[in-house]
Amino acid sequence: MNKPQDYQPDFESWPPARTRAKTEWATDSWPATIGRGIIGRCPNCGAAPIFDGYLKVHKRCLHCAAPLGDMPSDDAPPYIAMLIVLHVLALFFVFFYSGDYHPGIWMAGVLLAMLALVCMVALRMAKGAVIGIMLKLGMKREVPNG
């Protein structure tokens, strides 16, 4: 094959060139950014809330104008919330059903209501953490052209 002499595709050179763009938002450290997201505050400044309702995210931070609504936190928060909550729930099942005591229908109803409540809280916390991670990494939702 006749290739030009200066032809150097990225996959033929090692190590690959670092093409990660610098983020436009200078966030704090990873624990501070994720912690602010978990408590529902802006991961950048920590002064304004992320959410406008239960899970609806503000388009921009009300204090520092960080692009919170542009972060693609679509499917990750439910998976993270389920992973954490179901591991804790598995411990309850092991402890309740391992001995002679087996909870009745009322206790199962109470545990189901507690599971729903804990899942709702964990989902909101996971969504805030994912938005903080996305903001720290500079990952924005791509706007389709046209």
C-alpha atoms as a PDB file:
ATOM      1  CA  MET A   1       0.000   0.000   0.000  1.00  0.00           C
ATOM      2  CA  ASN A   2       1.151   3.455  -0.781  1.00  0.00           C
ATOM      3  CA  LYS A   3       0.866   5.568   2.337  1.00  0.00           C
ATOM      4  CA  PRO A   4       2.284   9.040   2.689  1.00  0.00           C
ATOM      5  CA  GLN A   5       5.418   9.168   4.835  1.00  0.00           C
ATOM      6  CA  ASP A   6       3.863  11.536   7.390  1.00  0.00           C
ATOM      7  CA  TYR A   7       0.762   9.350   7.906  1.00  0.00           C
ATOM      8  CA  GLN A   8       0.647   8.497  11.641  1.00  0.00           C
ATOM      9  CA  PRO A   9      -2.794   7.371  12.838  1.00  0.00           C
ATOM     10  CA  ASP A  10      -3.394   7.358  16.584  1.00  0.00           C
ATOM     11  CA  PHE A  11      -3.708   3.597  16.880  1.00  0.00           C
ATOM     12  CA  GLU A  12      -0.233   3.033  15.439  1.00  0.00           C
ATOM     13  CA  SER A  13       1.607   5.213  17.921  1.00  0.00           C
ATOM     14  CA  TRP A  14       2.112   4.244  21.529  1.00  0.00           C
ATOM     15  CA  PRO A  15       1.383   5.717  23.963  1.00  0.00           C
ATOM     16  CA  PRO A  16      -1.637   7.465  22.442  1.00  0.00           C
ATOM     17  CA  ALA A  17      -1.708  11.225  22.615  1.00  0.00           C
ATOM     18  CA  ARG A  18      -3.614  12.679  25.529  1.00  0.00           C
ATOM     19  CA  THR A  19      -6.632  14.291  23.965  1.00  0.00           C
ATOM     20  CA  ARG A  20      -8.632  14.912  27.115  1.00  0.00           C
ATOM     21  CA  ALA A  21      -9.686  18.522  27.048  1.00  0.00           C
ATOM     22  CA  LYS A  22      -9.337  20.633  30.146  1.00  0.00           C
ATOM     23  CA  THR A  23     -12.682  21.175  31.812  1.00  0.00           C
ATOM     24  CA  GLU A  24     -14.078  24.668  31.866  1.00  0.00           C
ATOM     25  CA  TRP A  25     -15.191  24.299  35.495  1.00  0.00           C
ATOM     26  CA  ALA A  26     -12.433  24.209  38.078  1.00  0.00           C
ATOM     27  CA  THR A  27     -14.029  21.926  40.656  1.00  0.00           C
ATOM     28  CA  ASP A  28     -12.525  20.976  43.998  1.00  0.00           C
ATOM     29  CA  SER A  29     -11.143  17.565  44.898  1.00  0.00           C
ATOM     30  CA  TRP A  30     -12.948  14.329  44.061  1.00  0.00           C
ATOM     31  CA  PRO A  31     -14.318  13.708  47.600  1.00  0.00           C
ATOM     32  CA  ALA A  32     -15.620  17.275  47.884  1.00  0.00           C
ATOM     33  CA  THR A  33     -17.258  17.165  44.442  1.00  0.00           C
ATOM     34  CA  ILE A  34     -18.915  13.789  44.992  1.00  0.00           C
ATOM     35  CA  GLY A  35     -19.897  14.676  48.568  1.00  0.00           C
ATOM     36  CA  ARG A  36     -21.632  17.866  47.456  1.00  0.00           C
ATOM     37  CA  GLY A  37     -23.484  15.884  44.807  1.00  0.00           C
ATOM     38  CA  ILE A  38     -24.591  13.271  47.343  1.00  0.00           C
ATOM     39  CA  ILE A  39     -26.098  15.896  49.634  1.00  0.00           C
ATOM     40  CA  GLY A  40     -27.863  17.546  46.682  1.00  0.00           C
ATOM     41  CA  ARG A  41     -25.783  20.709  46.364  1.00  0.00           C
ATOM     42  CA  CYS A  42     -23.978  22.005  43.293  1.00  0.00           C
ATOM     43  CA  PRO A  43     -20.767  19.981  42.900  1.00  0.00           C
ATOM     44  CA  ASN A  44     -18.895  23.082  41.745  1.00  0.00           C
ATOM     45  CA  CYS A  45     -19.754  25.666  44.397  1.00  0.00           C
ATOM     46  CA  GLY A  46     -21.870  23.837  46.981  1.00  0.00           C
ATOM     47  CA  ALA A  47     -24.087  26.899  47.444  1.00  0.00           C
ATOM     48  CA  ALA A  48     -27.184  26.086  45.379  1.00  0.00           C
ATOM     49  CA  PRO A  49     -29.299  22.934  45.065  1.00  0.00           C
ATOM     50  CA  ILE A  50     -28.895  20.590  42.095  1.00  0.00           C
ATOM     51  CA  PHE A  51     -32.506  19.474  41.946  1.00  0.00           C
ATOM     52  CA  ASP A  52     -35.635  21.373  40.999  1.00  0.00           C
ATOM     53  CA  GLY A  53     -38.031  18.846  42.489  1.00  0.00           C
ATOM     54  CA  TYR A  54     -37.375  15.174  43.262  1.00  0.00           C
ATOM     55  CA  LEU A  55     -35.072  14.207  40.346  1.00  0.00           C
ATOM     56  CA  LYS A  56     -35.401  17.096  37.881  1.00  0.00           C
ATOM     57  CA  VAL A  57     -32.039  18.854  37.578  1.00  0.00           C
ATOM     58  CA  HIS A  58     -31.660  22.615  37.205  1.00  0.00           C
ATOM     59  CA  LYS A  59     -30.348  23.541  33.752  1.00  0.00           C
ATOM     60  CA  ARG A  60     -27.661  25.744  35.312  1.00  0.00           C
ATOM     61  CA  CYS A  61     -26.531  26.245  38.886  1.00  0.00           C
ATOM     62  CA  LEU A  62     -28.397  29.129  40.481  1.00  0.00           C
ATOM     63  CA  HIS A  63     -25.195  30.424  42.090  1.00  0.00           C
ATOM     64  CA  CYS A  64     -22.224  29.733  39.762  1.00  0.00           C
ATOM     65  CA  ALA A  65     -24.008  28.886  36.461  1.00  0.00           C
ATOM     66  CA  ALA A  66     -22.360  25.444  36.153  1.00  0.00           C
ATOM     67  CA  PRO A  67     -24.087  23.402  33.407  1.00  0.00           C
ATOM     68  CA  LEU A  68     -25.803  20.840  35.648  1.00  0.00           C
ATOM     69  CA  GLY A  69     -28.540  20.007  33.147  1.00  0.00           C
ATOM     70  CA  ASP A  70     -26.015  19.122  30.450  1.00  0.00           C
ATOM     71  CA  MET A  71     -24.593  16.173  32.411  1.00  0.00           C
ATOM     72  CA  PRO A  72     -25.821  12.840  30.954  1.00  0.00           C
ATOM     73  CA  SER A  73     -26.752  11.011  34.163  1.00  0.00           C
ATOM     74  CA  ASP A  74     -29.347   8.809  32.474  1.00  0.00           C
ATOM     75  CA  ASP A  75     -28.958   5.166  33.536  1.00  0.00           C
ATOM     76  CA  ALA A  76     -26.107   5.151  36.051  1.00  0.00           C
ATOM     77  CA  PRO A  77     -27.982   6.424  39.169  1.00  0.00           C
ATOM     78  CA  PRO A  78     -30.636   3.650  39.214  1.00  0.00           C
ATOM     79  CA  TYR A  79     -27.966   0.977  38.847  1.00  0.00           C
ATOM     80  CA  ILE A  80     -25.834   2.476  41.618  1.00  0.00           C
ATOM     81  CA  ALA A  81     -28.837   2.850  43.926  1.00  0.00           C
ATOM     82  CA  MET A  82     -29.979  -0.729  43.283  1.00  0.00           C
ATOM     83  CA  LEU A  83     -26.467  -2.080  43.807  1.00  0.00           C
ATOM     84  CA  ILE A  84     -26.141  -0.438  47.214  1.00  0.00           C
ATOM     85  CA  VAL A  85     -29.705  -0.965  48.479  1.00  0.00           C
ATOM     86  CA  LEU A  86     -30.002  -4.578  47.367  1.00  0.00           C
ATOM     87  CA  HIS A  87     -26.721  -5.524  49.054  1.00  0.00           C
ATOM     88  CA  VAL A  88     -28.019  -4.087  52.321  1.00  0.00           C
ATOM     89  CA  LEU A  89     -31.397  -5.761  51.768  1.00  0.00           C
ATOM     90  CA  ALA A  90     -29.693  -9.130  51.236  1.00  0.00           C
ATOM     91  CA  LEU A  91     -28.253  -8.879  54.763  1.00  0.00           C
ATOM     92  CA  PHE A  92     -31.745  -8.409  56.181  1.00  0.00           C
ATOM     93  CA  PHE A  93     -32.999 -11.473  54.328  1.00  0.00           C
ATOM     94  CA  VAL A  94     -30.088 -13.575  55.556  1.00  0.00           C
ATOM     95  CA  PHE A  95     -30.573 -12.504  59.171  1.00  0.00           C
ATOM     96  CA  PHE A  96     -34.384 -12.774  59.155  1.00  0.00           C
ATOM     97  CA  TYR A  97     -34.699 -16.099  57.418  1.00  0.00           C
ATOM     98  CA  SER A  98     -31.639 -17.924  58.801  1.00  0.00           C
ATOM     99  CA  GLY A  99     -33.080 -18.786  62.205  1.00  0.00           C
ATOM    100  CA  ASP A 100     -36.426 -19.939  63.517  1.00  0.00           C
ATOM    101  CA  TYR A 101     -38.041 -16.508  63.247  1.00  0.00           C
ATOM    102  CA  HIS A 102     -39.839 -15.861  59.970  1.00  0.00           C
ATOM    103  CA  PRO A 103     -41.597 -12.494  59.668  1.00  0.00           C
ATOM    104  CA  GLY A 104     -45.265 -12.507  58.834  1.00  0.00           C
ATOM    105  CA  ILE A 105     -47.164 -10.597  56.193  1.00  0.00           C
ATOM    106  CA  TRP A 106     -47.209  -7.382  58.262  1.00  0.00           C
ATOM    107  CA  MET A 107     -43.471  -7.394  58.761  1.00  0.00           C
ATOM    108  CA  ALA A 108     -42.961  -8.129  55.073  1.00  0.00           C
ATOM    109  CA  GLY A 109     -45.174  -5.128  54.257  1.00  0.00           C
ATOM    110  CA  VAL A 110     -43.192  -2.883  56.589  1.00  0.00           C
ATOM    111  CA  LEU A 111     -39.911  -4.089  55.063  1.00  0.00           C
ATOM    112  CA  LEU A 112     -41.267  -3.461  51.556  1.00  0.00           C
ATOM    113  CA  ALA A 113     -42.308   0.089  52.483  1.00  0.00           C
ATOM    114  CA  MET A 114     -38.871   0.705  54.016  1.00  0.00           C
ATOM    115  CA  LEU A 115     -37.236  -0.688  50.868  1.00  0.00           C
ATOM    116  CA  ALA A 116     -39.208   1.723  48.670  1.00  0.00           C
ATOM    117  CA  LEU A 117     -38.283   4.678  50.886  1.00  0.00           C
ATOM    118  CA  VAL A 118     -34.585   3.766  51.013  1.00  0.00           C
ATOM    119  CA  CYS A 119     -34.513   3.251  47.221  1.00  0.00           C
ATOM    120  CA  MET A 120     -36.003   6.709  46.658  1.00  0.00           C
ATOM    121  CA  VAL A 121     -33.422   8.352  48.923  1.00  0.00           C
ATOM    122  CA  ALA A 122     -30.532   6.366  47.421  1.00  0.00           C
ATOM    123  CA  LEU A 123     -31.616   7.218  43.867  1.00  0.00           C
ATOM    124  CA  ARG A 124     -31.508  10.950  44.555  1.00  0.00           C
ATOM    125  CA  MET A 125     -28.120  10.669  46.269  1.00  0.00           C
ATOM    126  CA  ALA A 126     -26.691   8.552  43.437  1.00  0.00           C
ATOM    127  CA  LYS A 127     -27.952  10.994  40.807  1.00  0.00           C
ATOM    128  CA  GLY A 128     -26.278  13.900  42.614  1.00  0.00           C
ATOM    129  CA  ALA A 129     -23.007  11.958  42.867  1.00  0.00           C
ATOM    130  CA  VAL A 130     -23.093  11.021  39.166  1.00  0.00           C
ATOM    131  CA  ILE A 131     -23.724  14.642  38.185  1.00  0.00           C
ATOM    132  CA  GLY A 132     -20.726  15.648  40.317  1.00  0.00           C
ATOM    133  CA  ILE A 133     -18.525  13.036  38.644  1.00  0.00           C
ATOM    134  CA  MET A 134     -19.657  14.100  35.177  1.00  0.00           C
ATOM    135  CA  LEU A 135     -19.028  17.774  35.964  1.00  0.00           C
ATOM    136  CA  LYS A 136     -15.561  16.965  37.320  1.00  0.00           C
ATOM    137  CA  LEU A 137     -14.708  14.970  34.182  1.00  0.00           C
ATOM    138  CA  GLY A 138     -16.160  17.632  31.879  1.00  0.00           C
ATOM    139  CA  MET A 139     -18.576  15.230  30.184  1.00  0.00           C
ATOM    140  CA  LYS A 140     -21.450  17.136  28.613  1.00  0.00           C
ATOM    141  CA  ARG A 141     -24.462  15.861  26.722  1.00  0.00           C
ATOM    142  CA  GLU A 142     -23.932  16.279  23.001  1.00  0.00           C
ATOM    143  CA  VAL A 143     -26.530  18.481  21.349  1.00  0.00           C
ATOM    144  CA  PRO A 144     -27.663  17.024  18.005  1.00  0.00           C
ATOM    145  CA  ASN A 145     -27.200  19.304  15.021  1.00  0.00           C
ATOM    146  CA  GLY A 146     -30.227  20.090  12.962  1.00  0.00           C
END
